N, C-alpha and C. Protein backbone atom coordinates (compact mmCIF):
# COMPACT_ATOMS: atom_id res chain seq x y z
N MET A 1 61.31 7.17 -6.38
CA MET A 1 62.31 6.40 -7.08
C MET A 1 63.70 6.74 -6.56
N ARG A 2 63.90 8.01 -6.21
CA ARG A 2 65.22 8.41 -5.75
C ARG A 2 65.61 7.70 -4.46
N HIS A 3 64.63 7.48 -3.55
CA HIS A 3 64.95 6.80 -2.29
C HIS A 3 65.38 5.36 -2.53
N ARG A 4 64.88 4.73 -3.58
CA ARG A 4 65.31 3.37 -3.90
C ARG A 4 66.78 3.34 -4.30
N ILE A 5 67.18 4.32 -5.08
CA ILE A 5 68.58 4.39 -5.52
C ILE A 5 69.48 4.60 -4.31
N GLN A 6 69.05 5.46 -3.38
CA GLN A 6 69.86 5.71 -2.19
C GLN A 6 69.97 4.45 -1.33
N LEU A 7 68.92 3.67 -1.25
CA LEU A 7 68.94 2.45 -0.45
C LEU A 7 69.71 1.33 -1.15
N CYS A 8 69.62 1.27 -2.46
CA CYS A 8 70.26 0.18 -3.21
C CYS A 8 71.76 0.40 -3.41
N ALA A 9 72.17 1.63 -3.48
CA ALA A 9 73.58 1.91 -3.77
C ALA A 9 74.53 1.28 -2.76
N PRO A 10 74.29 1.42 -1.43
CA PRO A 10 75.22 0.78 -0.48
C PRO A 10 75.21 -0.75 -0.60
N THR A 11 74.04 -1.31 -0.84
CA THR A 11 73.94 -2.76 -0.98
C THR A 11 74.70 -3.23 -2.21
N LEU A 12 74.53 -2.52 -3.32
CA LEU A 12 75.23 -2.87 -4.54
C LEU A 12 76.74 -2.76 -4.35
N ALA A 13 77.17 -1.73 -3.66
CA ALA A 13 78.60 -1.55 -3.41
C ALA A 13 79.15 -2.69 -2.56
N ALA A 14 78.37 -3.09 -1.55
CA ALA A 14 78.82 -4.19 -0.69
C ALA A 14 78.90 -5.50 -1.46
N VAL A 15 77.89 -5.76 -2.29
CA VAL A 15 77.87 -7.00 -3.07
C VAL A 15 79.02 -7.02 -4.06
N LEU A 16 79.23 -5.92 -4.77
CA LEU A 16 80.33 -5.87 -5.73
C LEU A 16 81.68 -5.98 -5.04
N GLY A 17 81.81 -5.33 -3.90
CA GLY A 17 83.07 -5.43 -3.15
C GLY A 17 83.35 -6.84 -2.71
N THR A 18 82.31 -7.53 -2.24
CA THR A 18 82.47 -8.92 -1.81
C THR A 18 82.81 -9.81 -3.00
N ALA A 19 82.13 -9.58 -4.13
CA ALA A 19 82.39 -10.39 -5.32
C ALA A 19 83.81 -10.17 -5.82
N LEU A 20 84.26 -8.93 -5.82
CA LEU A 20 85.62 -8.65 -6.27
C LEU A 20 86.65 -9.28 -5.34
N ALA A 21 86.39 -9.21 -4.05
CA ALA A 21 87.33 -9.81 -3.09
C ALA A 21 87.34 -11.33 -3.23
N ALA A 22 86.17 -11.93 -3.45
CA ALA A 22 86.08 -13.38 -3.56
C ALA A 22 86.78 -13.90 -4.81
N THR A 23 86.79 -13.11 -5.86
CA THR A 23 87.42 -13.57 -7.10
C THR A 23 88.88 -13.18 -7.20
N GLY A 24 89.36 -12.41 -6.22
CA GLY A 24 90.75 -11.99 -6.24
C GLY A 24 90.97 -10.77 -7.09
N CYS A 25 89.88 -10.15 -7.54
CA CYS A 25 89.99 -8.94 -8.34
C CYS A 25 89.98 -7.74 -7.42
N GLY A 26 90.38 -6.62 -7.95
CA GLY A 26 90.32 -5.39 -7.17
C GLY A 26 91.64 -5.10 -6.51
N SER A 27 91.62 -4.05 -5.73
CA SER A 27 92.85 -3.57 -5.09
C SER A 27 93.11 -4.30 -3.79
N SER A 28 94.37 -4.55 -3.52
CA SER A 28 94.75 -5.18 -2.27
C SER A 28 95.29 -4.15 -1.29
N GLY A 29 95.05 -2.91 -1.58
CA GLY A 29 95.52 -1.86 -0.69
C GLY A 29 96.57 -0.99 -1.35
N THR A 30 97.29 -1.49 -2.34
CA THR A 30 98.27 -0.68 -3.05
C THR A 30 97.95 -0.75 -4.53
N GLU A 31 97.85 0.39 -5.14
CA GLU A 31 97.52 0.46 -6.56
C GLU A 31 98.58 -0.23 -7.41
N GLY A 32 98.14 -1.00 -8.39
CA GLY A 32 99.06 -1.59 -9.34
C GLY A 32 99.67 -2.91 -8.90
N SER A 33 99.47 -3.30 -7.63
CA SER A 33 100.04 -4.56 -7.18
C SER A 33 98.99 -5.65 -7.28
N PRO A 34 99.39 -6.90 -7.46
CA PRO A 34 98.42 -7.99 -7.57
C PRO A 34 97.72 -8.22 -6.25
N SER A 35 96.55 -8.80 -6.34
CA SER A 35 95.77 -9.11 -5.15
C SER A 35 96.48 -10.17 -4.33
N THR A 36 96.41 -10.04 -3.03
CA THR A 36 97.04 -11.02 -2.14
C THR A 36 95.99 -11.87 -1.43
N SER A 37 94.79 -11.95 -2.01
CA SER A 37 93.75 -12.74 -1.36
C SER A 37 94.11 -14.22 -1.43
N THR A 38 93.64 -14.95 -0.44
CA THR A 38 93.90 -16.38 -0.35
C THR A 38 92.97 -17.13 -1.30
N PRO A 39 93.49 -18.08 -2.06
CA PRO A 39 92.62 -18.85 -2.95
C PRO A 39 91.68 -19.74 -2.14
N PRO A 40 90.57 -20.17 -2.75
CA PRO A 40 89.64 -21.03 -2.05
C PRO A 40 90.32 -22.31 -1.56
N SER A 41 89.81 -22.84 -0.47
CA SER A 41 90.37 -24.05 0.11
C SER A 41 90.09 -25.26 -0.78
N ALA A 42 91.08 -26.11 -0.93
CA ALA A 42 90.91 -27.33 -1.71
C ALA A 42 90.17 -28.39 -0.91
N SER A 43 90.00 -28.15 0.38
CA SER A 43 89.35 -29.14 1.24
C SER A 43 87.97 -28.65 1.68
N ALA A 44 87.16 -28.22 0.72
CA ALA A 44 85.81 -27.78 1.02
C ALA A 44 84.98 -28.95 1.55
N THR A 45 83.97 -28.64 2.33
CA THR A 45 83.11 -29.68 2.90
C THR A 45 82.34 -30.38 1.80
N PRO A 46 82.40 -31.71 1.74
CA PRO A 46 81.64 -32.45 0.73
C PRO A 46 80.13 -32.23 0.92
N PRO A 47 79.35 -32.22 -0.16
CA PRO A 47 77.92 -31.95 -0.06
C PRO A 47 77.18 -32.90 0.88
N ALA A 48 77.52 -34.19 0.89
CA ALA A 48 76.82 -35.13 1.77
C ALA A 48 77.07 -34.82 3.23
N LYS A 49 78.29 -34.40 3.56
CA LYS A 49 78.59 -34.05 4.95
C LYS A 49 77.89 -32.77 5.35
N LEU A 50 77.85 -31.80 4.46
CA LEU A 50 77.15 -30.56 4.73
C LEU A 50 75.66 -30.82 4.93
N CYS A 51 75.09 -31.64 4.07
CA CYS A 51 73.69 -32.04 4.18
C CYS A 51 73.42 -32.68 5.53
N THR A 52 74.26 -33.62 5.92
CA THR A 52 74.11 -34.32 7.19
C THR A 52 74.17 -33.34 8.35
N THR A 53 75.11 -32.43 8.30
CA THR A 53 75.29 -31.47 9.38
C THR A 53 74.07 -30.59 9.56
N ILE A 54 73.57 -30.03 8.46
CA ILE A 54 72.44 -29.10 8.58
C ILE A 54 71.15 -29.82 8.92
N ILE A 55 70.94 -31.00 8.36
CA ILE A 55 69.71 -31.74 8.67
C ILE A 55 69.74 -32.23 10.12
N THR A 56 70.88 -32.73 10.57
CA THR A 56 70.99 -33.19 11.95
C THR A 56 70.77 -32.03 12.92
N LYS A 57 71.32 -30.87 12.60
CA LYS A 57 71.14 -29.69 13.47
C LYS A 57 69.66 -29.35 13.63
N TRP A 58 68.96 -29.23 12.52
CA TRP A 58 67.54 -28.87 12.59
C TRP A 58 66.70 -30.00 13.16
N ALA A 59 67.00 -31.22 12.81
CA ALA A 59 66.22 -32.36 13.31
C ALA A 59 66.35 -32.46 14.82
N ARG A 60 67.55 -32.32 15.35
CA ARG A 60 67.73 -32.37 16.81
C ARG A 60 66.98 -31.25 17.51
N GLU A 61 67.07 -30.05 16.93
CA GLU A 61 66.40 -28.91 17.54
C GLU A 61 64.88 -29.13 17.59
N ILE A 62 64.31 -29.58 16.49
CA ILE A 62 62.87 -29.82 16.44
C ILE A 62 62.49 -31.01 17.31
N TYR A 63 63.25 -32.09 17.23
CA TYR A 63 62.99 -33.31 18.01
C TYR A 63 63.03 -33.03 19.51
N ASP A 64 64.06 -32.32 19.95
CA ASP A 64 64.22 -32.05 21.38
C ASP A 64 63.22 -31.03 21.91
N SER A 65 62.66 -30.20 21.03
CA SER A 65 61.67 -29.22 21.46
C SER A 65 60.32 -29.88 21.74
N GLY A 66 60.11 -31.06 21.17
CA GLY A 66 58.83 -31.75 21.32
C GLY A 66 57.76 -31.20 20.39
N ASP A 67 58.13 -30.26 19.55
CA ASP A 67 57.19 -29.66 18.60
C ASP A 67 56.83 -30.68 17.52
N ASP A 68 55.55 -30.71 17.16
CA ASP A 68 55.11 -31.64 16.13
C ASP A 68 55.19 -31.07 14.71
N THR A 69 55.54 -29.81 14.60
CA THR A 69 55.64 -29.19 13.28
C THR A 69 57.07 -29.34 12.77
N TYR A 70 57.27 -28.90 11.54
CA TYR A 70 58.59 -29.04 10.91
C TYR A 70 59.30 -27.71 10.71
N GLY A 71 58.56 -26.63 10.53
CA GLY A 71 59.17 -25.34 10.26
C GLY A 71 59.25 -25.06 8.78
N ASP A 72 59.78 -23.89 8.45
CA ASP A 72 59.88 -23.44 7.07
C ASP A 72 61.26 -23.77 6.52
N TYR A 73 61.30 -24.61 5.49
CA TYR A 73 62.59 -25.07 4.97
C TYR A 73 63.45 -23.93 4.42
N GLN A 74 62.84 -22.91 3.88
CA GLN A 74 63.63 -21.80 3.33
C GLN A 74 64.34 -21.02 4.43
N SER A 75 63.66 -20.82 5.55
CA SER A 75 64.31 -20.09 6.65
C SER A 75 65.40 -20.93 7.30
N MET A 76 65.33 -22.24 7.11
CA MET A 76 66.37 -23.14 7.63
C MET A 76 67.56 -23.23 6.69
N GLY A 77 67.41 -22.75 5.47
CA GLY A 77 68.48 -22.84 4.49
C GLY A 77 68.55 -24.19 3.82
N LEU A 78 67.44 -24.91 3.80
CA LEU A 78 67.39 -26.24 3.19
C LEU A 78 66.79 -26.18 1.80
N SER A 79 67.23 -27.08 0.95
CA SER A 79 66.57 -27.25 -0.34
C SER A 79 65.31 -28.08 -0.11
N ASN A 80 64.47 -28.17 -1.12
CA ASN A 80 63.27 -28.99 -1.00
C ASN A 80 63.63 -30.45 -0.72
N GLY A 81 64.62 -30.97 -1.42
CA GLY A 81 65.03 -32.36 -1.20
C GLY A 81 65.57 -32.59 0.20
N GLN A 82 66.34 -31.65 0.71
CA GLN A 82 66.86 -31.77 2.07
C GLN A 82 65.73 -31.69 3.09
N TYR A 83 64.74 -30.86 2.80
CA TYR A 83 63.59 -30.73 3.69
C TYR A 83 62.81 -32.04 3.75
N LEU A 84 62.69 -32.71 2.62
CA LEU A 84 62.00 -34.00 2.61
C LEU A 84 62.77 -35.02 3.47
N ILE A 85 64.08 -34.98 3.39
CA ILE A 85 64.90 -35.85 4.24
C ILE A 85 64.65 -35.51 5.70
N LEU A 86 64.66 -34.23 6.04
CA LEU A 86 64.42 -33.79 7.42
C LEU A 86 63.09 -34.33 7.93
N ARG A 87 62.05 -34.18 7.14
CA ARG A 87 60.72 -34.64 7.57
C ARG A 87 60.70 -36.16 7.77
N ASP A 88 61.29 -36.90 6.84
CA ASP A 88 61.32 -38.36 6.97
C ASP A 88 62.11 -38.80 8.20
N VAL A 89 63.25 -38.15 8.42
CA VAL A 89 64.10 -38.47 9.56
C VAL A 89 63.37 -38.18 10.86
N LEU A 90 62.70 -37.04 10.94
CA LEU A 90 61.96 -36.69 12.15
C LEU A 90 60.81 -37.66 12.40
N ASP A 91 60.09 -38.03 11.35
CA ASP A 91 58.99 -38.99 11.50
C ASP A 91 59.51 -40.31 12.06
N ALA A 92 60.61 -40.80 11.51
CA ALA A 92 61.19 -42.07 11.97
C ALA A 92 61.68 -41.96 13.42
N ALA A 93 62.32 -40.84 13.76
CA ALA A 93 62.84 -40.65 15.12
C ALA A 93 61.70 -40.54 16.13
N ARG A 94 60.64 -39.87 15.76
CA ARG A 94 59.48 -39.75 16.67
C ARG A 94 58.83 -41.11 16.90
N ALA A 95 58.74 -41.91 15.84
CA ALA A 95 58.18 -43.26 15.99
C ALA A 95 59.08 -44.11 16.88
N GLU A 96 60.39 -43.99 16.71
CA GLU A 96 61.35 -44.74 17.55
C GLU A 96 61.25 -44.29 19.01
N ARG A 97 61.02 -43.02 19.24
CA ARG A 97 60.86 -42.51 20.60
C ARG A 97 59.65 -43.17 21.27
N LYS A 98 58.56 -43.33 20.52
CA LYS A 98 57.36 -43.97 21.07
C LYS A 98 57.60 -45.45 21.34
N ARG A 99 58.33 -46.12 20.44
CA ARG A 99 58.60 -47.56 20.60
C ARG A 99 59.62 -47.84 21.70
N GLN A 100 60.68 -47.04 21.75
CA GLN A 100 61.80 -47.34 22.65
C GLN A 100 62.04 -46.22 23.65
N SER A 101 62.75 -45.17 23.19
CA SER A 101 63.10 -44.08 24.10
C SER A 101 63.53 -42.85 23.29
N ALA A 102 63.65 -41.72 23.98
CA ALA A 102 64.12 -40.50 23.33
C ALA A 102 65.55 -40.67 22.82
N ALA A 103 66.38 -41.36 23.60
CA ALA A 103 67.77 -41.58 23.18
C ALA A 103 67.84 -42.44 21.92
N ALA A 104 66.98 -43.45 21.84
CA ALA A 104 66.94 -44.31 20.66
C ALA A 104 66.50 -43.50 19.44
N GLY A 105 65.56 -42.58 19.65
CA GLY A 105 65.11 -41.72 18.56
C GLY A 105 66.22 -40.81 18.07
N ARG A 106 67.01 -40.25 18.99
CA ARG A 106 68.14 -39.38 18.61
C ARG A 106 69.19 -40.17 17.83
N LYS A 107 69.45 -41.38 18.27
CA LYS A 107 70.44 -42.23 17.59
C LYS A 107 69.99 -42.53 16.16
N LEU A 108 68.71 -42.86 16.02
CA LEU A 108 68.15 -43.15 14.71
C LEU A 108 68.19 -41.88 13.83
N LEU A 109 67.88 -40.75 14.43
CA LEU A 109 67.91 -39.47 13.72
C LEU A 109 69.28 -39.23 13.09
N ASP A 110 70.34 -39.40 13.87
CA ASP A 110 71.70 -39.19 13.37
C ASP A 110 72.05 -40.17 12.24
N ARG A 111 71.72 -41.43 12.45
CA ARG A 111 72.04 -42.46 11.46
C ARG A 111 71.27 -42.24 10.15
N GLU A 112 69.97 -41.98 10.27
CA GLU A 112 69.15 -41.79 9.08
C GLU A 112 69.56 -40.55 8.29
N ALA A 113 69.89 -39.46 8.99
CA ALA A 113 70.33 -38.24 8.29
C ALA A 113 71.60 -38.53 7.51
N ARG A 114 72.55 -39.21 8.13
CA ARG A 114 73.82 -39.54 7.47
C ARG A 114 73.58 -40.43 6.26
N GLU A 115 72.76 -41.47 6.41
CA GLU A 115 72.51 -42.41 5.31
C GLU A 115 71.74 -41.75 4.17
N ARG A 116 70.71 -40.98 4.52
CA ARG A 116 69.89 -40.35 3.47
C ARG A 116 70.67 -39.29 2.71
N CYS A 117 71.52 -38.54 3.40
CA CYS A 117 72.34 -37.53 2.71
C CYS A 117 73.39 -38.20 1.83
N ALA A 118 73.98 -39.28 2.31
CA ALA A 118 74.96 -40.01 1.50
C ALA A 118 74.30 -40.51 0.22
N GLU A 119 73.09 -41.01 0.33
CA GLU A 119 72.35 -41.50 -0.84
C GLU A 119 72.03 -40.34 -1.79
N ARG A 120 71.59 -39.24 -1.24
CA ARG A 120 71.20 -38.08 -2.07
C ARG A 120 72.39 -37.53 -2.86
N TYR A 121 73.57 -37.54 -2.27
CA TYR A 121 74.74 -36.94 -2.90
C TYR A 121 75.75 -37.97 -3.40
N ARG A 122 75.36 -39.21 -3.54
CA ARG A 122 76.29 -40.25 -3.96
C ARG A 122 76.91 -39.98 -5.33
N ASP A 123 76.17 -39.28 -6.21
CA ASP A 123 76.68 -38.95 -7.55
C ASP A 123 77.11 -37.49 -7.65
N GLY A 124 77.31 -36.84 -6.52
CA GLY A 124 77.76 -35.45 -6.52
C GLY A 124 76.70 -34.44 -6.20
N GLY A 125 75.45 -34.76 -6.40
CA GLY A 125 74.37 -33.83 -6.07
C GLY A 125 73.22 -33.94 -7.02
N PRO A 126 72.09 -33.34 -6.63
CA PRO A 126 70.91 -33.38 -7.51
C PRO A 126 71.16 -32.55 -8.77
N SER A 127 70.52 -32.91 -9.84
CA SER A 127 70.76 -32.22 -11.12
C SER A 127 69.69 -31.20 -11.45
N GLY A 128 68.70 -31.03 -10.60
CA GLY A 128 67.59 -30.13 -10.89
C GLY A 128 67.78 -28.71 -10.40
N GLY A 129 68.96 -28.33 -9.99
CA GLY A 129 69.21 -26.99 -9.49
C GLY A 129 69.48 -27.00 -8.01
N PRO A 130 69.90 -25.87 -7.45
CA PRO A 130 70.33 -25.84 -6.06
C PRO A 130 69.20 -26.01 -5.04
N TRP A 131 67.95 -25.78 -5.41
CA TRP A 131 66.86 -25.86 -4.44
C TRP A 131 66.04 -27.13 -4.58
N VAL A 132 66.56 -28.10 -5.28
CA VAL A 132 65.84 -29.38 -5.46
C VAL A 132 66.21 -30.34 -4.36
């Protein structure tokens, strides 16, 4: 049990330090002075754009590799809903590659990812939690 405490203590310290820094709490280097951390950006990436970026990245990588599998959505950092979009987009792009060309498949991949993510996040995001 003691070895667990020794291993967890540095991790806990790092997590708490990061959380304090992210919230603007804690010391800024001089005791008693207010934190000088920068507030979060007002121009954060919209969810639909972030979805498009990550799905397009993984879809291109899988499509260009010629691999017929999809990979593990959790290791890709995708939610289940985003993974379903990835699979549908890849299926459509692969079919387009057979009908026309690899370039046509890539073009379809980009367009479908953008459209499907826009649809998924049109109301701000899914309501079933972050992994839906």
